[in-house]
Protein backbone atom coordinates (compact mmCIF):
# COMPACT_ATOMS: atom_id res chain seq x y z
CA MET A 1 24.43 30.66 10.33
CA ARG A 2 25.62 33.75 10.99
CA ARG A 3 23.90 36.88 9.29
CA ILE A 4 24.65 40.51 9.79
CA GLY A 5 22.58 42.97 11.98
CA ILE A 6 22.24 46.49 11.54
CA ASP A 7 20.91 48.61 14.44
CA VAL A 8 19.90 52.49 13.39
CA GLY A 9 19.51 54.18 16.59
CA GLY A 10 18.67 57.97 17.64
CA SER A 11 22.11 58.82 17.68
CA THR A 12 24.68 55.29 17.15
CA LEU A 13 24.97 53.12 14.26
CA ARG A 14 25.79 49.70 15.79
CA ILE A 15 26.60 46.59 13.27
CA ALA A 16 27.71 43.03 14.45
CA GLU A 17 27.67 39.66 12.59
CA VAL A 18 25.52 36.94 14.64
CA ASP A 19 24.87 33.42 15.44
CA VAL A 20 21.21 33.22 14.65
CA ALA A 21 21.32 29.71 16.27
CA SER A 22 22.49 31.08 19.84
CA GLY A 23 21.93 34.54 19.53
CA GLU A 24 25.57 35.62 20.31
CA CYS A 25 27.53 38.23 18.51
CA ALA A 26 30.29 36.07 16.30
CA GLY A 27 32.48 39.50 17.73
CA PRO A 28 32.18 43.00 19.00
CA VAL A 29 29.79 45.21 17.85
CA GLU A 30 30.70 47.86 15.92
CA SER A 31 29.36 51.55 16.93
CA LEU A 32 29.57 54.63 14.43
CA PRO A 33 28.16 58.35 15.04
CA MET A 34 24.74 58.79 13.93
CA PRO A 35 25.56 61.12 10.52
CA ARG A 36 24.61 64.95 10.70
CA GLY A 37 20.68 65.23 10.11
CA ALA A 38 20.14 61.75 10.43
CA LYS A 39 19.38 61.58 6.20
CA PRO A 40 18.71 58.48 4.87
CA GLU A 41 21.68 59.25 2.47
CA ALA A 42 23.88 59.43 4.46
CA VAL A 43 22.60 57.09 7.08
CA LEU A 44 22.60 53.81 4.63
CA ALA A 45 26.26 55.14 2.88
CA ALA A 46 27.92 55.31 6.34
CA LEU A 47 26.90 51.74 6.95
CA ALA A 48 27.50 50.17 3.76
CA ALA A 49 31.17 51.07 4.09
CA ASN A 50 31.80 49.13 6.77
CA PRO A 51 34.35 46.62 5.75
CA LEU A 52 31.48 43.10 7.84
CA LEU A 53 29.13 44.24 4.99
CA ARG A 54 32.39 43.56 1.97
CA SER A 55 32.54 39.85 2.88
CA GLY A 56 29.64 37.44 2.45
CA THR A 57 25.68 37.05 0.24
CA GLY A 58 23.85 35.97 2.57
CA PRO A 59 20.50 38.34 3.61
CA ILE A 60 21.23 41.22 5.83
CA GLY A 61 18.84 42.87 8.38
CA LEU A 62 18.07 46.08 9.12
CA GLY A 63 16.36 47.24 12.59
CA ILE A 64 15.65 51.43 12.10
CA PRO A 65 13.48 53.23 14.05
CA SER A 66 10.40 54.15 12.03
CA VAL A 67 7.14 52.09 10.76
CA VAL A 68 8.28 49.33 8.22
CA GLU A 69 5.79 48.24 5.57
CA HIS A 70 7.47 45.73 3.09
CA GLY A 71 10.23 47.70 3.27
CA VAL A 72 9.28 51.14 3.18
CA ALA A 73 9.91 53.29 6.10
CA ARG A 74 6.41 55.12 6.95
CA THR A 75 7.20 57.24 9.81
CA ALA A 76 10.95 59.38 10.51
CA ALA A 77 11.40 59.07 14.52
CA HIS A 78 14.31 60.70 15.57
CA LEU A 79 15.34 60.88 12.19
CA ASP A 80 15.06 63.09 9.06
CA ALA A 81 11.25 62.98 7.24
CA ALA A 82 13.21 62.43 4.35
CA TRP A 83 12.97 58.83 5.34
CA ILE A 84 9.28 58.93 5.00
CA GLY A 85 8.07 57.17 2.19
CA LEU A 86 11.75 55.31 1.37
CA ASP A 87 11.70 52.01 -0.23
CA VAL A 88 14.48 51.43 2.17
CA ALA A 89 15.30 47.92 1.20
CA THR A 90 15.26 48.69 -1.82
CA ALA A 91 17.72 51.07 -1.50
CA PHE A 92 20.22 49.38 0.48
CA THR A 93 20.30 46.27 -1.57
CA ARG A 94 21.65 48.50 -4.22
CA LEU A 95 24.47 49.70 -1.66
CA THR A 96 25.55 46.80 -1.03
CA LEU A 97 24.30 44.60 -3.58
CA ARG A 98 22.87 41.84 -0.58
CA PRO A 99 19.12 41.54 -0.20
CA THR A 100 17.96 43.56 3.34
CA VAL A 101 15.30 43.06 5.33
CA VAL A 102 14.19 46.26 7.12
CA ILE A 103 12.43 45.93 10.53
CA ASN A 104 11.29 48.52 12.90
CA ASP A 105 13.96 48.68 15.49
CA ALA A 106 12.23 48.02 19.25
CA ASP A 107 10.56 45.03 17.36
CA ALA A 108 14.16 43.43 16.46
CA ALA A 109 14.89 44.22 19.78
CA GLY A 110 11.88 42.29 20.54
CA LEU A 111 12.53 39.38 18.72
CA ALA A 112 15.62 39.21 20.11
CA GLU A 113 14.83 39.30 23.79
CA MET A 114 12.45 36.64 23.19
CA ARG A 115 14.12 34.42 21.41
CA PHE A 116 16.88 35.07 23.67
CA GLY A 117 16.70 36.74 26.42
CA ALA A 118 14.09 37.74 29.24
CA GLY A 119 11.13 36.41 27.53
CA ARG A 120 12.41 32.64 26.91
CA VAL A 121 9.73 30.07 29.01
CA PRO A 122 13.12 29.36 31.52
CA ALA A 123 13.80 33.01 31.91
CA LEU A 124 10.33 33.94 33.17
CA ARG A 125 9.04 34.14 35.87
CA VAL A 126 5.68 34.21 35.32
CA PRO A 127 3.65 32.17 32.34
CA ALA A 128 3.02 35.37 30.15
CA ARG A 129 0.65 35.01 26.92
CA ARG A 130 0.98 38.59 26.29
CA ILE A 131 4.04 40.73 26.79
CA ILE A 132 5.20 43.80 26.09
CA VAL A 133 8.99 44.76 25.06
CA LEU A 134 10.15 48.70 25.98
CA THR A 135 13.35 50.02 24.91
CA PHE A 136 14.44 53.28 26.72
CA GLY A 137 16.85 55.59 25.02
CA THR A 138 15.85 58.58 22.45
CA GLY A 139 12.77 57.98 22.73
CA ILE A 140 10.69 54.69 24.22
CA GLY A 141 10.67 51.81 21.69
CA SER A 142 8.09 49.24 21.65
CA ALA A 143 7.34 46.22 20.34
CA LEU A 144 3.77 43.66 21.72
CA PHE A 145 3.83 39.82 21.46
CA VAL A 146 0.84 37.34 21.76
CA ASP A 147 1.43 33.97 21.92
CA GLY A 148 5.29 34.31 21.18
CA ARG A 149 3.93 36.20 18.16
CA LEU A 150 4.81 39.85 16.69
CA TRP A 151 2.56 42.14 16.16
CA PRO A 152 4.34 44.34 14.31
CA ASN A 153 4.91 48.56 14.34
CA THR A 154 3.44 49.24 17.66
CA GLU A 155 4.05 52.79 18.41
CA PHE A 156 3.62 53.04 21.83
CA GLY A 157 5.96 55.40 22.71
CA HIS A 158 4.06 57.81 21.26
CA LEU A 159 0.86 57.17 23.65
CA ARG A 160 -0.73 60.38 25.76
CA LEU A 161 -0.42 60.33 28.97
CA PRO A 162 -3.04 61.59 31.66
CA GLY A 163 -2.20 64.70 32.93
CA VAL A 164 0.24 64.94 30.98
CA ASP A 165 -0.27 67.38 28.17
CA ASP A 166 2.66 68.88 26.82
CA VAL A 167 3.94 65.45 25.71
CA ASP A 168 3.59 62.00 24.70
CA GLY A 169 5.05 59.09 26.54
CA GLU A 170 8.37 59.33 25.36
CA GLY A 171 8.36 62.83 25.89
CA TRP A 172 7.77 62.25 29.46
CA ALA A 173 9.42 58.70 30.58
CA ALA A 174 12.31 58.21 27.28
CA ALA A 175 16.09 57.21 29.10
CA SER A 176 16.95 60.68 27.09
CA VAL A 177 14.54 62.84 29.39
CA ARG A 178 16.20 61.26 33.03
CA THR A 179 19.72 62.64 31.12
CA ARG A 180 18.66 65.93 29.99
CA LEU A 181 16.75 67.02 32.75
CA GLY A 182 19.48 65.50 35.58
CA LEU A 183 16.54 63.31 37.19
CA ASP A 184 17.57 61.10 39.48
CA TRP A 185 15.90 57.47 39.67
CA PRO A 186 13.21 57.81 42.10
CA THR A 187 12.35 60.96 40.22
CA TRP A 188 11.96 58.67 37.02
CA VAL A 189 10.75 55.82 38.28
CA ALA A 190 8.06 57.95 39.04
CA ARG A 191 7.47 58.97 35.09
CA VAL A 192 8.30 55.40 33.72
CA ASP A 193 5.69 53.72 36.08
CA ASP A 194 3.04 56.62 34.83
CA TYR A 195 3.69 55.19 31.42
CA LEU A 196 3.74 51.39 32.50
CA GLN A 197 0.76 52.04 34.56
CA GLU A 198 -1.32 53.49 31.32
CA LEU A 199 -0.22 51.01 29.46
CA GLN A 200 -1.59 48.42 31.83
CA ARG A 201 -4.72 50.11 31.72
CA LEU A 202 -5.15 49.75 28.36
CA LEU A 203 -3.73 46.79 27.26
CA TRP A 204 -3.62 44.18 30.01
CA PRO A 205 0.15 43.17 29.51
CA GLU A 206 1.23 40.58 31.37
CA ALA A 207 4.60 41.01 31.86
CA PHE A 208 7.00 44.14 30.86
CA ILE A 209 10.15 43.48 29.59
CA VAL A 210 12.48 46.37 30.21
CA GLY A 211 15.69 46.83 27.43
CA GLY A 212 17.68 49.89 25.59
CA ALA A 213 21.05 51.54 26.78
CA VAL A 214 19.52 51.98 30.44
CA SER A 215 18.69 48.55 31.15
CA ALA A 216 22.24 48.37 31.69
CA GLN A 217 21.54 49.70 35.20
CA ALA A 218 18.42 47.70 35.63
CA ALA A 219 19.33 47.09 38.92
CA GLU A 220 19.65 50.99 39.75
CA TRP A 221 15.98 51.49 38.75
CA VAL A 222 13.69 48.27 38.04
CA PRO A 223 13.21 47.80 41.65
CA LEU A 224 11.75 51.04 42.52
CA LEU A 225 9.28 50.83 39.80
CA LYS A 226 5.92 50.02 41.37
CA CYS A 227 3.97 48.74 38.60
CA ALA A 228 1.52 45.96 39.25
CA VAL A 229 2.67 43.27 37.20
CA PRO A 230 6.04 41.95 36.60
CA VAL A 231 9.03 43.78 34.97
CA LEU A 232 12.29 42.06 33.91
CA PRO A 233 15.70 43.77 32.51
CA ALA A 234 16.59 42.91 29.15
CA VAL A 235 19.07 40.17 29.27
CA LEU A 236 20.52 41.11 25.79
CA ARG A 237 20.54 44.72 26.48
CA GLY A 238 22.66 46.90 24.03
CA GLN A 239 22.85 44.21 22.24
CA ALA A 240 19.37 43.06 21.62
CA GLY A 241 18.62 45.54 18.00
CA VAL A 242 21.50 43.76 16.38
CA VAL A 243 21.14 40.48 17.04
CA GLY A 244 16.97 40.61 16.29
CA ALA A 245 17.73 42.35 13.14
CA ALA A 246 19.74 39.45 11.99
CA LEU A 247 16.81 37.31 13.14
CA ALA A 248 14.57 38.96 11.18
CA ALA A 249 16.59 38.06 8.07
CA VAL A 250 16.63 34.85 8.79
CA ASP A 251 12.87 34.98 9.40
CA ALA A 252 12.24 36.33 6.42
CA ALA A 253 14.10 34.04 4.34
CA ALA A 254 13.02 31.32 5.80
CA ALA A 255 9.16 32.67 5.02
CA GLU A 256 9.49 32.94 1.34
CA ASP A 257 10.83 29.64 1.33
CA THR A 258 8.04 27.98 2.68
CA GLU A 259 5.51 30.22 0.64
CA ALA A 260 8.33 28.72 -2.22
CA ARG A 261 7.50 24.82 -1.66
CA THR A 262 3.70 25.05 -0.81
CA PRO A 263 1.70 24.37 -3.91
């Protein structure tokens, strides 16, 4: 079975057709620049115009950097404030004439890594009931899994760190901060360690999975971390968001089918 997955990032829109049985993209991941201002009308129109969405009738999975409740965006991280309160699922369905399942973008990446990547039992080097998946990019996205089940819409990127008064966690340790300030790997990794240490103190995870664009260079920085719990580089890297969004569309359809069959 193949489904379309879409990942709305802080600066890039990614679209791919995904084989949801294998977790592999059926073709190349297409990338589009984020429209100026990141307003919902422009973003959704740019996505809906993509030729991939014109074939087929199955549901589409759409990951966005927002808390999402029943298809409605409740926050707007790195997006225009007009997203807040928008029924994104309905709006995109009207444009594409295809059912749309909307999910937080980091939750989508987490689903993909847990099912096909670093969180799979054969890949996980230690037994872990509590796993936090983190995406380091424009900001820091988070996805919390307990016994393999997602607790949706965590916003750990906005955690405040002891001794850091002017910014939150993502303002201190996002990958974009390293680029903007020109930090070398050891200096940036010290900031990531500060962030992971606070998450560990509050939540006691048994493993972290670190993804986002910077995971492509994991060999350069993950070994520098001093975190007390295992830190595993993401396996799917830049494809995790689109794969997870496609999985969310399949999972939602399966849940609806199960509910309909239940007396």
